[in-house]
C-alpha cells in the first residue's frame, strides 16, 4: 500500500481561531513517522496566514490557496493524485463545495474520508438540513473519523448513512507539549485557555467566571480570542490570543488549569478537547467540567479533578494544596504518555487504512 494523503482542512500552520491545529499537527506528524506523505491544503482566510505560529514543517507539504472558488477548484483537482483523500470539518471556507470537489476528483480506489473535528456540531447541522451536502455524500465515503464522540456519535453517523465511523481521539504530542519551567507572568491559582464560542459562553460563565467571583482573593487567568468585551471579576487577567509556543508555560505556571467543554461536546461526552492533553502533557493539575467518558482518558480524583459547577471549581481552588496539585498533574502526565499519544492514534489510523486496503484487495 502506498501512503500519500491529500488533507483539506482549516490550517496546519496557524492555530489562530483554529482549535484543531494541535490535532492536525499531532496526527499528521505521527503518520509521517509511519511512512505517510501528507499534503495539507488550507485556504488563506480568517487572518490565519498573518498569525502563523509554525513554519512549514518537514513532515508535511503545505499548500496555501487563495480564498476564492477558482483557487479552491484548482487545489481540489489535485486530489486525483493521492491514495487517501481527506476532507476535514470546519475548514471555514466553502466547506460543502470543498467536499464535493475533492471527493469527485478522487481517483477510483482512493480511500475517501470525512474527518470530523467537531462531530456534535456537524451532526446538529445534518439533523436540521435534510439536503445537507455531507448527508448526501456519506453513503459514498469509505469512512468517517472523528476526534471525539464515542458510541452516540458513531450511532448517529451510521444512522445518517455512513459506512463506518471510528473515533480517533485527541492526544498528546510530547515533542511539542511537555513540562517547562514556570513563568511569573502566568502565575495564578487557576487558568483557562479557550476561544470564546457561542455554545461555550454559559459554561465558561458558570465554571470560570462564577468560580473567580466566589474567590476574590485568588488570581485567575483567561486566555483566548473573543473575551475582550466580556465582563469579568477584578481578579481575572485577560491575555487574549496565546500563541502555541506559550502553551506549555501557561499550563505549567498556574496551580491549576481548567477545561470547559462546549455544550454539544459535554452532552455527547467522550470528547476531550486538545487542551486536556496539552495540560496533562505539561504535568498540570487539570480541573474539568463533568462529561461522560472522562475516565476513559484520565481517572477522576487521581489524574484529574471533575467539577459539576462553579462552586465545585471554587472549592477545588480553595482546598487543593500545591503538593496535591503537583501529584495529580504528575499522575496525569504518566497516564497520557502511556496511553494517549499521537503515535498511538496514528497506529490506530494506519490500521484502519491498511484494513481498508486489504478489503479492496480481497474484493478485486
Foldseek 3Di string as FASTA:
>chain_A
DAAEEEEEAQDCFFCAVNLCNVVVVQQQQLLLVVPHEYEYEAECDPCRVVHGQDDQDPSYHYDYFYLDPVRLLVVLLVLCVGQEYEQEPDNPGPSLVSLVNNVVNHHPNRQYEYEYAPQLVVLVVCVVDVVRSCLVCQQVHQEYEYQFFPPVSQVSSVVSRHPGYYYLHAADDLVQFAADDADPVLEWLEEEADADDPQQVVQCCKAPQVLCVVCVPTAYEYEEADCPPPDGPPRYHYDYHDRSNCLLNNLNRHLAYEDEDGPSCQASFGHDRNNLNSNLRNLFAYEYEDGPPPVVQANDPQQYDYDPTNVRNNVCSVPPDSVNRSRNSPRSNVRRVVPGGSNVSNVVVVVVVVVSVVVVVVVD
